[in-house]
Amino acid sequence: MAVDLSLSPATLRMLVQKGRAAAASTLTDGFEDGQDREIEFDTDTLQDSHAHDGLAEEETEDLSSEELIELIEDLNVDEAAEVVAIVWIGRGDFDAADFPQAVEDARERAVGSTAKYLSGMPLFADHLEAGLDALEL
């Protein structure tokens, strides 16, 4: 299906990759089931075995979610509406043939932050990829 987009398919595929990276980083941020657990220490065998050589310990912060949000925030109104429409097609809300109507609906329904809406979608990357496939992009 020939669709005229403001964004290149390569850029949209990059959003899929960033979405997958962001989703993967949120899965490893805590316990999988979301419940905190207490850790019990045996005070008889507990020893201070942490040696510190004076160097600051380096923490690697995963910036995938922030990068995804920034990329989406940098989209103009037309580009953002197209991304939302593609996600909706991938989610099954619209057929690929209804792409122009999906874009129009996305523009009309845009109330808050598109970046927050899309990045908060648990299957954002999957829906975007499915939408791209449905549009043959």
Protein backbone atom coordinates (compact mmCIF):
# COMPACT_ATOMS: atom_id res chain seq x y z
CA MET A 1 0.00 0.00 0.00
CA ALA A 2 1.49 3.33 -1.05
CA VAL A 3 1.39 5.81 1.82
CA ASP A 4 2.92 9.28 1.79
CA LEU A 5 4.61 9.83 5.15
CA SER A 6 6.42 12.78 6.68
CA LEU A 7 8.91 10.40 8.32
CA SER A 8 11.05 7.87 6.51
CA PRO A 9 10.44 4.16 7.14
CA ALA A 10 14.03 3.98 8.47
CA THR A 11 13.22 6.61 11.11
CA LEU A 12 10.07 4.73 12.08
CA ARG A 13 12.05 1.47 12.37
CA MET A 14 14.52 3.32 14.62
CA LEU A 15 11.57 4.27 16.86
CA VAL A 16 10.69 0.56 17.00
CA GLN A 17 14.23 -0.23 18.16
CA LYS A 18 14.22 2.57 20.75
CA GLY A 19 10.81 1.40 21.96
CA ARG A 20 12.09 -2.15 22.41
CA ALA A 21 15.18 -0.91 24.26
CA ALA A 22 13.03 1.25 26.55
CA ALA A 23 10.68 -1.65 27.25
CA ALA A 24 13.61 -3.95 28.03
CA SER A 25 15.13 -1.43 30.43
CA THR A 26 11.89 -1.06 32.38
CA LEU A 27 11.63 -4.83 32.78
CA THR A 28 15.04 -5.00 34.42
CA ASP A 29 14.55 -2.00 36.70
CA GLY A 30 12.99 -4.02 39.50
CA PHE A 31 11.47 -7.30 40.41
CA GLU A 32 9.46 -8.82 37.58
CA ASP A 33 6.31 -9.18 39.63
CA GLY A 34 6.56 -5.65 41.02
CA GLN A 35 6.75 -6.67 44.67
CA ASP A 36 9.53 -5.68 47.00
CA ARG A 37 11.04 -8.33 49.17
CA GLU A 38 13.02 -8.11 52.37
CA ILE A 39 16.52 -9.46 52.40
CA GLU A 40 17.57 -11.23 55.55
CA PHE A 41 21.20 -11.20 56.64
CA ASP A 42 22.81 -13.68 58.95
CA THR A 43 24.62 -11.30 61.29
CA ASP A 44 26.92 -14.09 62.53
CA THR A 45 28.46 -14.63 59.10
CA LEU A 46 28.07 -11.13 57.73
CA GLN A 47 31.41 -9.48 57.19
CA ASP A 48 32.38 -6.20 55.69
CA SER A 49 33.97 -7.63 52.60
CA HIS A 50 33.43 -4.64 50.35
CA ALA A 51 36.84 -3.20 49.59
CA HIS A 52 36.88 0.31 48.25
CA ASP A 53 39.99 1.42 46.43
CA GLY A 54 39.09 5.10 46.48
CA LEU A 55 37.65 5.20 42.98
CA ALA A 56 34.09 6.20 42.51
CA GLU A 57 31.90 3.30 41.50
CA GLU A 58 30.52 3.82 38.04
CA GLU A 59 26.83 3.33 37.46
CA THR A 60 25.62 2.92 33.94
CA GLU A 61 22.25 4.53 33.58
CA ASP A 62 20.05 3.24 30.78
CA LEU A 63 18.76 6.25 28.92
CA SER A 64 16.58 4.33 26.46
CA SER A 65 13.27 5.63 27.82
CA GLU A 66 14.50 9.21 27.87
CA GLU A 67 15.85 8.90 24.33
CA LEU A 68 12.54 7.52 23.08
CA ILE A 69 10.60 10.33 24.74
CA GLU A 70 12.94 12.97 23.31
CA LEU A 71 12.67 11.51 19.81
CA ILE A 72 8.88 11.56 19.97
CA GLU A 73 8.81 15.06 21.49
CA ASP A 74 10.95 16.30 18.57
CA LEU A 75 8.30 15.23 16.05
CA ASN A 76 6.10 17.93 14.56
CA VAL A 77 2.30 17.66 14.75
CA ASP A 78 1.95 15.85 11.41
CA GLU A 79 4.73 13.37 12.16
CA ALA A 80 3.36 12.62 15.63
CA ALA A 81 -0.14 12.05 14.22
CA GLU A 82 1.28 9.65 11.65
CA VAL A 83 3.17 7.66 14.30
CA VAL A 84 0.05 7.41 16.45
CA ALA A 85 -1.99 6.35 13.41
CA ILE A 86 0.54 3.64 12.53
CA VAL A 87 0.46 2.38 16.13
CA TRP A 88 -3.34 2.28 16.02
CA ILE A 89 -3.21 0.31 12.77
CA GLY A 90 -0.74 -2.10 14.33
CA ARG A 91 -2.98 -2.46 17.37
CA GLY A 92 -5.96 -3.24 15.15
CA ASP A 93 -7.97 -0.08 15.79
CA PHE A 94 -7.85 0.80 12.08
CA ASP A 95 -7.17 -1.07 8.84
CA ALA A 96 -4.20 -0.08 6.69
CA ALA A 97 -6.63 1.24 4.06
CA ASP A 98 -7.99 3.67 6.68
CA PHE A 99 -4.61 5.32 7.28
CA PRO A 100 -5.73 8.85 6.28
CA GLN A 101 -8.69 8.64 8.67
CA ALA A 102 -6.44 7.30 11.44
CA VAL A 103 -4.08 10.27 10.98
CA GLU A 104 -7.00 12.70 11.09
CA ASP A 105 -8.36 11.06 14.25
CA ALA A 106 -4.90 11.19 15.84
CA ARG A 107 -4.69 14.94 15.14
CA GLU A 108 -8.16 15.53 16.59
CA ARG A 109 -7.57 13.44 19.70
CA ALA A 110 -4.14 14.90 20.52
CA VAL A 111 -4.75 16.46 23.90
CA GLY A 112 -1.70 15.82 26.05
CA SER A 113 1.84 14.72 25.39
CA THR A 114 2.15 12.31 22.47
CA ALA A 115 5.50 11.17 23.87
CA LYS A 116 3.92 10.29 27.21
CA TYR A 117 1.02 8.52 25.49
CA LEU A 118 3.21 6.40 23.22
CA SER A 119 6.03 5.69 25.68
CA GLY A 120 3.45 4.61 28.27
CA MET A 121 2.03 2.03 25.88
CA PRO A 122 3.37 -1.39 27.00
CA LEU A 123 3.48 -2.80 23.46
CA PHE A 124 4.37 0.43 21.65
CA ALA A 125 7.22 -1.09 19.62
CA ASP A 126 5.20 -4.17 18.68
CA HIS A 127 2.20 -2.09 17.57
CA LEU A 128 4.39 0.32 15.61
CA GLU A 129 6.16 -2.54 13.84
CA ALA A 130 2.87 -4.30 13.07
CA GLY A 131 1.49 -1.05 11.68
CA LEU A 132 4.54 -0.57 9.48
CA ASP A 133 4.16 -4.12 8.22
CA ALA A 134 0.45 -3.60 7.54
CA LEU A 135 1.31 -0.48 5.53
CA GLU A 136 4.08 -2.44 3.78
CA LEU A 137 6.78 0.01 4.91
